[in-house]
Amino acid sequence: MNLMINGIDAMKDVHGTRELAIKARCAETDQVLVSVNDTGVGLPPQQSDQVFDAFFTTKPHGTGMGLSISRSIVESHGGRLWAANNSHARGKFCFVPACQVKEHG
């Protein structure tokens, strides 16, 4: 949810077509890869990992907690969350949730 809200926020001041796309596909490792792409203001490449640091924000009124908490949640379930380069949209965040099925018995 946080990734979608961030994408919507990033497109507030964009003139023209705005697009938020959420996609899921099979990754090479038989895991699900989920991506959230937007046509917003974008993220400078040098900040692609820094945005996950607690209290770091690119928004004038941001708290810097949303992406840090999102990454913690994904990682606590054995997954991974990162910012990715995207030539078609300006912001792209991806995550691979842990997809193990445990047998009880």
PDB file of N, CA and C in Angstrom:
ATOM      1  N   MET A   1       0.829  -1.183   0.000  1.00  0.00           N
ATOM      2  CA  MET A   1       0.000   0.000   0.000  1.00  0.00           C
ATOM      3  C   MET A   1       0.885   1.263   0.000  1.00  0.00           C
ATOM      4  N   ASN A   2       1.944   1.235   0.806  1.00  0.00           N
ATOM      5  CA  ASN A   2       2.845   2.387   0.874  1.00  0.00           C
ATOM      6  C   ASN A   2       3.474   2.691  -0.481  1.00  0.00           C
ATOM      7  N   LEU A   3       3.834   1.660  -1.236  1.00  0.00           N
ATOM      8  CA  LEU A   3       4.444   1.874  -2.551  1.00  0.00           C
ATOM      9  C   LEU A   3       3.460   2.541  -3.501  1.00  0.00           C
ATOM     10  N   MET A   4       2.193   2.165  -3.420  1.00  0.00           N
ATOM     11  CA  MET A   4       1.178   2.791  -4.267  1.00  0.00           C
ATOM     12  C   MET A   4       0.960   4.251  -3.869  1.00  0.00           C
ATOM     13  N   ILE A   5       0.867   4.528  -2.581  1.00  0.00           N
ATOM     14  CA  ILE A   5       0.673   5.901  -2.108  1.00  0.00           C
ATOM     15  C   ILE A   5       1.855   6.775  -2.509  1.00  0.00           C
ATOM     16  N   ASN A   6       3.073   6.248  -2.378  1.00  0.00           N
ATOM     17  CA  ASN A   6       4.259   7.006  -2.795  1.00  0.00           C
ATOM     18  C   ASN A   6       4.212   7.319  -4.290  1.00  0.00           C
ATOM     19  N   GLY A   7       3.783   6.344  -5.087  1.00  0.00           N
ATOM     20  CA  GLY A   7       3.671   6.570  -6.532  1.00  0.00           C
ATOM     21  C   GLY A   7       2.662   7.645  -6.859  1.00  0.00           C
ATOM     22  N   ILE A   8       1.528   7.612  -6.184  1.00  0.00           N
ATOM     23  CA  ILE A   8       0.497   8.639  -6.395  1.00  0.00           C
ATOM     24  C   ILE A   8       1.033  10.009  -5.994  1.00  0.00           C
ATOM     25  N   ASP A   9       1.707  10.091  -4.847  1.00  0.00           N
ATOM     26  CA  ASP A   9       2.309  11.354  -4.403  1.00  0.00           C
ATOM     27  C   ASP A   9       3.327  11.880  -5.416  1.00  0.00           C
ATOM     28  N   ALA A  10       4.107  10.980  -5.997  1.00  0.00           N
ATOM     29  CA  ALA A  10       5.153  11.386  -6.942  1.00  0.00           C
ATOM     30  C   ALA A  10       4.571  11.966  -8.229  1.00  0.00           C
ATOM     31  N   MET A  11       3.308  11.681  -8.507  1.00  0.00           N
ATOM     32  CA  MET A  11       2.691  12.158  -9.749  1.00  0.00           C
ATOM     33  C   MET A  11       1.840  13.409  -9.564  1.00  0.00           C
ATOM     34  N   LYS A  12       1.744  13.935  -8.345  1.00  0.00           N
ATOM     35  CA  LYS A  12       0.882  15.098  -8.075  1.00  0.00           C
ATOM     36  C   LYS A  12       1.181  16.296  -8.970  1.00  0.00           C
ATOM     37  N   ASP A  13       2.446  16.593  -9.177  1.00  0.00           N
ATOM     38  CA  ASP A  13       2.825  17.787  -9.926  1.00  0.00           C
ATOM     39  C   ASP A  13       3.199  17.500 -11.383  1.00  0.00           C
ATOM     40  N   VAL A  14       2.900  16.311 -11.862  1.00  0.00           N
ATOM     41  CA  VAL A  14       3.223  15.934 -13.235  1.00  0.00           C
ATOM     42  C   VAL A  14       2.078  16.358 -14.147  1.00  0.00           C
ATOM     43  N   HIS A  15       2.424  17.041 -15.226  1.00  0.00           N
ATOM     44  CA  HIS A  15       1.425  17.449 -16.215  1.00  0.00           C
ATOM     45  C   HIS A  15       1.332  16.358 -17.279  1.00  0.00           C
ATOM     46  N   GLY A  16       0.155  16.123 -17.776  1.00  0.00           N
ATOM     47  CA  GLY A  16      -0.023  15.100 -18.795  1.00  0.00           C
ATOM     48  C   GLY A  16      -0.486  13.786 -18.191  1.00  0.00           C
ATOM     49  N   THR A  17      -0.212  12.727 -18.909  1.00  0.00           N
ATOM     50  CA  THR A  17      -0.661  11.400 -18.504  1.00  0.00           C
ATOM     51  C   THR A  17       0.066  10.936 -17.254  1.00  0.00           C
ATOM     52  N   ARG A  18      -0.709  10.439 -16.321  1.00  0.00           N
ATOM     53  CA  ARG A  18      -0.152   9.855 -15.088  1.00  0.00           C
ATOM     54  C   ARG A  18      -0.545   8.382 -15.070  1.00  0.00           C
ATOM     55  N   GLU A  19       0.398   7.548 -14.728  1.00  0.00           N
ATOM     56  CA  GLU A  19       0.114   6.115 -14.715  1.00  0.00           C
ATOM     57  C   GLU A  19       0.792   5.448 -13.529  1.00  0.00           C
ATOM     58  N   LEU A  20       0.018   4.651 -12.820  1.00  0.00           N
ATOM     59  CA  LEU A  20       0.531   3.819 -11.736  1.00  0.00           C
ATOM     60  C   LEU A  20       0.248   2.387 -12.141  1.00  0.00           C
ATOM     61  N   ALA A  21       1.278   1.572 -12.261  1.00  0.00           N
ATOM     62  CA  ALA A  21       1.109   0.188 -12.702  1.00  0.00           C
ATOM     63  C   ALA A  21       1.654  -0.755 -11.642  1.00  0.00           C
ATOM     64  N   ILE A  22       0.851  -1.736 -11.298  1.00  0.00           N
ATOM     65  CA  ILE A  22       1.259  -2.771 -10.351  1.00  0.00           C
ATOM     66  C   ILE A  22       1.261  -4.079 -11.129  1.00  0.00           C
ATOM     67  N   LYS A  23       2.409  -4.720 -11.164  1.00  0.00           N
ATOM     68  CA  LYS A  23       2.552  -5.937 -11.961  1.00  0.00           C
ATOM     69  C   LYS A  23       3.114  -7.062 -11.102  1.00  0.00           C
ATOM     70  N   ALA A  24       2.711  -8.262 -11.412  1.00  0.00           N
ATOM     71  CA  ALA A  24       3.258  -9.451 -10.760  1.00  0.00           C
ATOM     72  C   ALA A  24       3.603 -10.457 -11.853  1.00  0.00           C
ATOM     73  N   ARG A  25       4.769 -11.071 -11.727  1.00  0.00           N
ATOM     74  CA  ARG A  25       5.169 -12.081 -12.702  1.00  0.00           C
ATOM     75  C   ARG A  25       6.069 -13.105 -12.016  1.00  0.00           C
ATOM     76  N   CYS A  26       6.270 -14.216 -12.666  1.00  0.00           N
ATOM     77  CA  CYS A  26       7.166 -15.239 -12.139  1.00  0.00           C
ATOM     78  C   CYS A  26       8.604 -14.793 -12.375  1.00  0.00           C
ATOM     79  N   ALA A  27       9.395 -14.829 -11.331  1.00  0.00           N
ATOM     80  CA  ALA A  27      10.820 -14.514 -11.463  1.00  0.00           C
ATOM     81  C   ALA A  27      11.549 -15.791 -11.880  1.00  0.00           C
ATOM     82  N   GLU A  28      12.806 -15.648 -12.244  1.00  0.00           N
ATOM     83  CA  GLU A  28      13.610 -16.796 -12.683  1.00  0.00           C
ATOM     84  C   GLU A  28      13.745 -17.864 -11.609  1.00  0.00           C
ATOM     85  N   THR A  29      13.574 -17.493 -10.373  1.00  0.00           N
ATOM     86  CA  THR A  29      13.767 -18.424  -9.257  1.00  0.00           C
ATOM     87  C   THR A  29      12.452 -19.046  -8.793  1.00  0.00           C
ATOM     88  N   ASP A  30      11.434 -19.024  -9.648  1.00  0.00           N
ATOM     89  CA  ASP A  30      10.100 -19.535  -9.317  1.00  0.00           C
ATOM     90  C   ASP A  30       9.472 -18.789  -8.156  1.00  0.00           C
ATOM     91  N   GLN A  31       9.863 -17.550  -7.983  1.00  0.00           N
ATOM     92  CA  GLN A  31       9.243 -16.676  -7.003  1.00  0.00           C
ATOM     93  C   GLN A  31       8.391 -15.662  -7.752  1.00  0.00           C
ATOM     94  N   VAL A  32       7.537 -14.981  -7.024  1.00  0.00           N
ATOM     95  CA  VAL A  32       6.726 -13.931  -7.617  1.00  0.00           C
ATOM     96  C   VAL A  32       7.479 -12.609  -7.472  1.00  0.00           C
ATOM     97  N   LEU A  33       7.609 -11.876  -8.563  1.00  0.00           N
ATOM     98  CA  LEU A  33       8.218 -10.552  -8.543  1.00  0.00           C
ATOM     99  C   LEU A  33       7.099  -9.541  -8.719  1.00  0.00           C
ATOM    100  N   VAL A  34       6.941  -8.660  -7.746  1.00  0.00           N
ATOM    101  CA  VAL A  34       5.918  -7.624  -7.798  1.00  0.00           C
ATOM    102  C   VAL A  34       6.621  -6.294  -8.024  1.00  0.00           C
ATOM    103  N   SER A  35       6.104  -5.497  -8.967  1.00  0.00           N
ATOM    104  CA  SER A  35       6.681  -4.175  -9.197  1.00  0.00           C
ATOM    105  C   SER A  35       5.578  -3.123  -9.175  1.00  0.00           C
ATOM    106  N   VAL A  36       5.931  -1.953  -8.647  1.00  0.00           N
ATOM    107  CA  VAL A  36       5.036  -0.800  -8.619  1.00  0.00           C
ATOM    108  C   VAL A  36       5.762   0.309  -9.358  1.00  0.00           C
ATOM    109  N   ASN A  37       5.200   0.726 -10.500  1.00  0.00           N
ATOM    110  CA  ASN A  37       5.816   1.735 -11.365  1.00  0.00           C
ATOM    111  C   ASN A  37       4.926   2.966 -11.433  1.00  0.00           C
ATOM    112  N   ASP A  38       5.548   4.139 -11.479  1.00  0.00           N
ATOM    113  CA  ASP A  38       4.765   5.363 -11.656  1.00  0.00           C
ATOM    114  C   ASP A  38       5.464   6.279 -12.639  1.00  0.00           C
ATOM    115  N   THR A  39       4.718   7.238 -13.156  1.00  0.00           N
ATOM    116  CA  THR A  39       5.271   8.224 -14.088  1.00  0.00           C
ATOM    117  C   THR A  39       5.455   9.562 -13.373  1.00  0.00           C
ATOM    118  N   GLY A  40       5.882   9.485 -12.133  1.00  0.00           N
ATOM    119  CA  GLY A  40       6.070  10.680 -11.312  1.00  0.00           C
ATOM    120  C   GLY A  40       7.406  11.352 -11.531  1.00  0.00           C
ATOM    121  N   VAL A  41       7.835  12.100 -10.539  1.00  0.00           N
ATOM    122  CA  VAL A  41       9.046  12.915 -10.645  1.00  0.00           C
ATOM    123  C   VAL A  41      10.325  12.095 -10.659  1.00  0.00           C
ATOM    124  N   GLY A  42      10.261  10.856 -10.269  1.00  0.00           N
ATOM    125  CA  GLY A  42      11.425   9.985 -10.324  1.00  0.00           C
ATOM    126  C   GLY A  42      12.275  10.038  -9.069  1.00  0.00           C
ATOM    127  N   LEU A  43      13.251   9.181  -9.051  1.00  0.00           N
ATOM    128  CA  LEU A  43      14.154   9.035  -7.916  1.00  0.00           C
ATOM    129  C   LEU A  43      15.584   9.097  -8.440  1.00  0.00           C
ATOM    130  N   PRO A  44      16.398  10.035  -7.949  1.00  0.00           N
ATOM    131  CA  PRO A  44      17.787  10.084  -8.402  1.00  0.00           C
ATOM    132  C   PRO A  44      18.497   8.761  -8.111  1.00  0.00           C
ATOM    133  N   PRO A  45      19.258   8.217  -9.070  1.00  0.00           N
ATOM    134  CA  PRO A  45      19.920   6.917  -8.886  1.00  0.00           C
ATOM    135  C   PRO A  45      20.773   6.833  -7.623  1.00  0.00           C
ATOM    136  N   GLN A  46      21.394   7.934  -7.243  1.00  0.00           N
ATOM    137  CA  GLN A  46      22.253   7.911  -6.053  1.00  0.00           C
ATOM    138  C   GLN A  46      21.446   7.764  -4.760  1.00  0.00           C
ATOM    139  N   GLN A  47      20.131   7.919  -4.834  1.00  0.00           N
ATOM    140  CA  GLN A  47      19.286   7.785  -3.648  1.00  0.00           C
ATOM    141  C   GLN A  47      18.493   6.481  -3.634  1.00  0.00           C
ATOM    142  N   SER A  48      18.726   5.596  -4.600  1.00  0.00           N
ATOM    143  CA  SER A  48      17.902   4.403  -4.736  1.00  0.00           C
ATOM    144  C   SER A  48      17.950   3.479  -3.524  1.00  0.00           C
ATOM    145  N   ASP A  49      19.045   3.457  -2.793  1.00  0.00           N
ATOM    146  CA  ASP A  49      19.083   2.627  -1.579  1.00  0.00           C
ATOM    147  C   ASP A  49      18.886   3.475  -0.331  1.00  0.00           C
ATOM    148  N   GLN A  50      19.271   4.724  -0.404  1.00  0.00           N
ATOM    149  CA  GLN A  50      19.152   5.639   0.736  1.00  0.00           C
ATOM    150  C   GLN A  50      17.696   5.871   1.136  1.00  0.00           C
ATOM    151  N   VAL A  51      16.758   5.760   0.193  1.00  0.00           N
ATOM    152  CA  VAL A  51      15.343   6.000   0.498  1.00  0.00           C
ATOM    153  C   VAL A  51      14.787   5.000   1.503  1.00  0.00           C
ATOM    154  N   PHE A  52      15.494   3.900   1.728  1.00  0.00           N
ATOM    155  CA  PHE A  52      15.039   2.901   2.690  1.00  0.00           C
ATOM    156  C   PHE A  52      15.590   3.155   4.099  1.00  0.00           C
ATOM    157  N   ASP A  53      16.438   4.166   4.248  1.00  0.00           N
ATOM    158  CA  ASP A  53      16.963   4.522   5.571  1.00  0.00           C
ATOM    159  C   ASP A  53      15.883   5.240   6.372  1.00  0.00           C
ATOM    160  N   ALA A  54      15.764   4.882   7.645  1.00  0.00           N
ATOM    161  CA  ALA A  54      14.780   5.539   8.512  1.00  0.00           C
ATOM    162  C   ALA A  54      15.053   7.038   8.557  1.00  0.00           C
ATOM    163  N   PHE A  55      14.011   7.822   8.441  1.00  0.00           N
ATOM    164  CA  PHE A  55      14.002   9.282   8.523  1.00  0.00           C
ATOM    165  C   PHE A  55      14.570   9.986   7.289  1.00  0.00           C
ATOM    166  N   PHE A  56      14.980   9.246   6.265  1.00  0.00           N
ATOM    167  CA  PHE A  56      15.397   9.879   5.011  1.00  0.00           C
ATOM    168  C   PHE A  56      14.145  10.060   4.158  1.00  0.00           C
ATOM    169  N   THR A  57      13.943  11.259   3.634  1.00  0.00           N
ATOM    170  CA  THR A  57      12.777  11.507   2.789  1.00  0.00           C
ATOM    171  C   THR A  57      13.130  12.421   1.632  1.00  0.00           C
ATOM    172  N   THR A  58      12.419  12.258   0.534  1.00  0.00           N
ATOM    173  CA  THR A  58      12.559  13.149  -0.613  1.00  0.00           C
ATOM    174  C   THR A  58      11.358  14.079  -0.704  1.00  0.00           C
ATOM    175  N   LYS A  59      10.407  13.934   0.220  1.00  0.00           N
ATOM    176  CA  LYS A  59       9.185  14.739   0.214  1.00  0.00           C
ATOM    177  C   LYS A  59       9.318  15.903   1.193  1.00  0.00           C
ATOM    178  N   PRO A  60       8.776  17.060   0.852  1.00  0.00           N
ATOM    179  CA  PRO A  60       8.860  18.212   1.760  1.00  0.00           C
ATOM    180  C   PRO A  60       8.222  17.957   3.128  1.00  0.00           C
ATOM    181  N   HIS A  61       7.169  17.159   3.159  1.00  0.00           N
ATOM    182  CA  HIS A  61       6.486  16.912   4.429  1.00  0.00           C
ATOM    183  C   HIS A  61       6.499  15.430   4.794  1.00  0.00           C
ATOM    184  N   GLY A  62       7.455  14.683   4.263  1.00  0.00           N
ATOM    185  CA  GLY A  62       7.542  13.248   4.542  1.00  0.00           C
ATOM    186  C   GLY A  62       8.203  12.969   5.878  1.00  0.00           C
ATOM    187  N   THR A  63       7.912  11.798   6.420  1.00  0.00           N
ATOM    188  CA  THR A  63       8.515  11.396   7.700  1.00  0.00           C
ATOM    189  C   THR A  63       9.752  10.541   7.504  1.00  0.00           C
ATOM    190  N   GLY A  64       9.898   9.945   6.322  1.00  0.00           N
ATOM    191  CA  GLY A  64      11.033   9.064   6.087  1.00  0.00           C
ATOM    192  C   GLY A  64      10.861   7.704   6.733  1.00  0.00           C
ATOM    193  N   MET A  65       9.635   7.326   7.026  1.00  0.00           N
ATOM    194  CA  MET A  65       9.394   6.041   7.687  1.00  0.00           C
ATOM    195  C   MET A  65       8.751   5.000   6.763  1.00  0.00           C
ATOM    196  N   GLY A  66       7.989   5.423   5.773  1.00  0.00           N
ATOM    197  CA  GLY A  66       7.204   4.502   4.952  1.00  0.00           C
ATOM    198  C   GLY A  66       8.012   3.411   4.270  1.00  0.00           C
ATOM    199  N   LEU A  67       9.049   3.784   3.530  1.00  0.00           N
ATOM    200  CA  LEU A  67       9.837   2.781   2.817  1.00  0.00           C
ATOM    201  C   LEU A  67      10.684   1.948   3.762  1.00  0.00           C
ATOM    202  N   SER A  68      11.149   2.547   4.843  1.00  0.00           N
ATOM    203  CA  SER A  68      11.906   1.806   5.845  1.00  0.00           C
ATOM    204  C   SER A  68      11.036   0.716   6.476  1.00  0.00           C
ATOM    205  N   ILE A  69       9.823   1.072   6.820  1.00  0.00           N
ATOM    206  CA  ILE A  69       8.897   0.107   7.409  1.00  0.00           C
ATOM    207  C   ILE A  69       8.498  -0.943   6.374  1.00  0.00           C
ATOM    208  N   SER A  70       8.243  -0.517   5.139  1.00  0.00           N
ATOM    209  CA  SER A  70       7.878  -1.466   4.080  1.00  0.00           C
ATOM    210  C   SER A  70       8.972  -2.505   3.883  1.00  0.00           C
ATOM    211  N   ARG A  71      10.220  -2.066   3.834  1.00  0.00           N
ATOM    212  CA  ARG A  71      11.322  -3.005   3.660  1.00  0.00           C
ATOM    213  C   ARG A  71      11.423  -3.947   4.858  1.00  0.00           C
ATOM    214  N   SER A  72      11.252  -3.413   6.058  1.00  0.00           N
ATOM    215  CA  SER A  72      11.310  -4.257   7.260  1.00  0.00           C
ATOM    216  C   SER A  72      10.238  -5.343   7.231  1.00  0.00           C
ATOM    217  N   ILE A  73       9.040  -4.975   6.809  1.00  0.00           N
ATOM    218  CA  ILE A  73       7.946  -5.945   6.742  1.00  0.00           C
ATOM    219  C   ILE A  73       8.268  -7.050   5.726  1.00  0.00           C
ATOM    220  N   VAL A  74       8.699  -6.647   4.537  1.00  0.00           N
ATOM    221  CA  VAL A  74       9.016  -7.631   3.495  1.00  0.00           C
ATOM    222  C   VAL A  74      10.152  -8.536   3.958  1.00  0.00           C
ATOM    223  N   GLU A  75      11.213  -7.957   4.523  1.00  0.00           N
ATOM    224  CA  GLU A  75      12.358  -8.753   4.967  1.00  0.00           C
ATOM    225  C   GLU A  75      12.019  -9.655   6.145  1.00  0.00           C
ATOM    226  N   SER A  76      11.115  -9.223   7.022  1.00  0.00           N
ATOM    227  CA  SER A  76      10.748 -10.067   8.162  1.00  0.00           C
ATOM    228  C   SER A  76      10.015 -11.326   7.717  1.00  0.00           C
ATOM    229  N   HIS A  77       9.508 -11.311   6.488  1.00  0.00           N
ATOM    230  CA  HIS A  77       8.847 -12.486   5.921  1.00  0.00           C
ATOM    231  C   HIS A  77       9.772 -13.226   4.949  1.00  0.00           C
ATOM    232  N   GLY A  78      11.046 -12.866   4.957  1.00  0.00           N
ATOM    233  CA  GLY A  78      12.018 -13.556   4.117  1.00  0.00           C
ATOM    234  C   GLY A  78      12.113 -13.042   2.697  1.00  0.00           C
ATOM    235  N   GLY A  79      11.520 -11.886   2.420  1.00  0.00           N
ATOM    236  CA  GLY A  79      11.545 -11.332   1.075  1.00  0.00           C
ATOM    237  C   GLY A  79      12.584 -10.237   0.916  1.00  0.00           C
ATOM    238  N   ARG A  80      12.492  -9.517  -0.203  1.00  0.00           N
ATOM    239  CA  ARG A  80      13.446  -8.444  -0.509  1.00  0.00           C
ATOM    240  C   ARG A  80      12.705  -7.323  -1.223  1.00  0.00           C
ATOM    241  N   LEU A  81      13.010  -6.068  -0.880  1.00  0.00           N
ATOM    242  CA  LEU A  81      12.399  -4.880  -1.491  1.00  0.00           C
ATOM    243  C   LEU A  81      13.507  -3.947  -1.935  1.00  0.00           C
ATOM    244  N   TRP A  82      13.408  -3.432  -3.169  1.00  0.00           N
ATOM    245  CA  TRP A  82      14.439  -2.522  -3.679  1.00  0.00           C
ATOM    246  C   TRP A  82      13.836  -1.538  -4.675  1.00  0.00           C
ATOM    247  N   ALA A  83      14.578  -0.465  -4.916  1.00  0.00           N
ATOM    248  CA  ALA A  83      14.234   0.497  -5.962  1.00  0.00           C
ATOM    249  C   ALA A  83      14.999   0.070  -7.204  1.00  0.00           C
ATOM    250  N   ALA A  84      14.347   0.131  -8.366  1.00  0.00           N
ATOM    251  CA  ALA A  84      14.969  -0.354  -9.597  1.00  0.00           C
ATOM    252  C   ALA A  84      14.997   0.739 -10.652  1.00  0.00           C
ATOM    253  N   ASN A  85      15.936   0.629 -11.581  1.00  0.00           N
ATOM    254  CA  ASN A  85      15.971   1.520 -12.738  1.00  0.00           C
ATOM    255  C   ASN A  85      14.791   1.190 -13.629  1.00  0.00           C
ATOM    256  N   ASN A  86      14.214   2.216 -14.203  1.00  0.00           N
ATOM    257  CA  ASN A  86      13.090   1.993 -15.088  1.00  0.00           C
ATOM    258  C   ASN A  86      13.108   3.053 -16.175  1.00  0.00           C
ATOM    259  N   SER A  87      13.259   2.628 -17.412  1.00  0.00           N
ATOM    260  CA  SER A  87      13.321   3.589 -18.510  1.00  0.00           C
ATOM    261  C   SER A  87      11.933   4.045 -18.967  1.00  0.00           C
ATOM    262  N   HIS A  88      10.887   3.273 -18.684  1.00  0.00           N
ATOM    263  CA  HIS A  88       9.543   3.614 -19.155  1.00  0.00           C
ATOM    264  C   HIS A  88       8.773   4.471 -18.152  1.00  0.00           C
ATOM    265  N   ALA A  89       8.968   4.235 -16.887  1.00  0.00           N
ATOM    266  CA  ALA A  89       8.313   5.028 -15.854  1.00  0.00           C
ATOM    267  C   ALA A  89       9.415   5.635 -14.999  1.00  0.00           C
ATOM    268  N   ARG A  90       9.080   6.581 -14.198  1.00  0.00           N
ATOM    269  CA  ARG A  90      10.137   7.274 -13.459  1.00  0.00           C
ATOM    270  C   ARG A  90      10.429   6.655 -12.106  1.00  0.00           C
ATOM    271  N   GLY A  91       9.458   6.063 -11.480  1.00  0.00           N
ATOM    272  CA  GLY A  91       9.689   5.404 -10.200  1.00  0.00           C
ATOM    273  C   GLY A  91       9.359   3.940 -10.330  1.00  0.00           C
ATOM    274  N   LYS A  92      10.217   3.093  -9.794  1.00  0.00           N
ATOM    275  CA  LYS A  92       9.947   1.656  -9.843  1.00  0.00           C
ATOM    276  C   LYS A  92      10.485   1.014  -8.575  1.00  0.00           C
ATOM    277  N   PHE A  93       9.595   0.374  -7.873  1.00  0.00           N
ATOM    278  CA  PHE A  93       9.968  -0.374  -6.686  1.00  0.00           C
ATOM    279  C   PHE A  93       9.527  -1.810  -6.889  1.00  0.00           C
ATOM    280  N   CYS A  94      10.374  -2.751  -6.496  1.00  0.00           N
ATOM    281  CA  CYS A  94      10.093  -4.163  -6.694  1.00  0.00           C
ATOM    282  C   CYS A  94      10.263  -4.904  -5.381  1.00  0.00           C
ATOM    283  N   PHE A  95       9.498  -5.975  -5.241  1.00  0.00           N
ATOM    284  CA  PHE A  95       9.753  -6.861  -4.116  1.00  0.00           C
ATOM    285  C   PHE A  95       9.460  -8.295  -4.492  1.00  0.00           C
ATOM    286  N   VAL A  96      10.210  -9.175  -3.838  1.00  0.00           N
ATOM    287  CA  VAL A  96      10.027 -10.610  -3.989  1.00  0.00           C
ATOM    288  C   VAL A  96       9.686 -11.122  -2.598  1.00  0.00           C
ATOM    289  N   PRO A  97       8.436 -11.533  -2.401  1.00  0.00           N
ATOM    290  CA  PRO A  97       8.076 -12.089  -1.101  1.00  0.00           C
ATOM    291  C   PRO A  97       8.606 -13.511  -0.984  1.00  0.00           C
ATOM    292  N   ALA A  98       8.789 -13.963   0.239  1.00  0.00           N
ATOM    293  CA  ALA A  98       9.172 -15.357   0.458  1.00  0.00           C
ATOM    294  C   ALA A  98       7.974 -16.220   0.091  1.00  0.00           C
ATOM    295  N   CYS A  99       8.189 -17.231  -0.704  1.00  0.00           N
ATOM    296  CA  CYS A  99       7.076 -18.044  -1.193  1.00  0.00           C
ATOM    297  C   CYS A  99       7.292 -19.517  -0.892  1.00  0.00           C
ATOM    298  N   GLN A 100       7.636 -19.843   0.313  1.00  0.00           N
ATOM    299  CA  GLN A 100       7.822 -21.240   0.679  1.00  0.00           C
ATOM    300  C   GLN A 100       6.540 -21.784   1.283  1.00  0.00           C
ATOM    301  N   VAL A 101       6.194 -22.971   0.884  1.00  0.00           N
ATOM    302  CA  VAL A 101       5.063 -23.646   1.473  1.00  0.00           C
ATOM    303  C   VAL A 101       5.605 -24.651   2.468  1.00  0.00           C
ATOM    304  N   LYS A 102       5.225 -24.530   3.707  1.00  0.00           N
ATOM    305  CA  LYS A 102       5.693 -25.444   4.741  1.00  0.00           C
ATOM    306  C   LYS A 102       4.645 -26.527   4.962  1.00  0.00           C
ATOM    307  N   GLU A 103       5.114 -27.759   5.010  1.00  0.00           N
ATOM    308  CA  GLU A 103       4.203 -28.858   5.265  1.00  0.00           C
ATOM    309  C   GLU A 103       4.132 -29.098   6.768  1.00  0.00           C
ATOM    310  N   HIS A 104       2.929 -29.312   7.235  1.00  0.00           N
ATOM    311  CA  HIS A 104       2.720 -29.607   8.656  1.00  0.00           C
ATOM    312  C   HIS A 104       2.414 -31.094   8.763  1.00  0.00           C
ATOM    313  N   GLY A 105       2.995 -31.701   9.714  1.00  0.00           N
ATOM    314  CA  GLY A 105       2.638 -33.093   9.783  1.00  0.00           C
ATOM    315  C   GLY A 105       3.279 -33.810  10.863  1.00  0.00           C
TER     316      GLY A 105
END
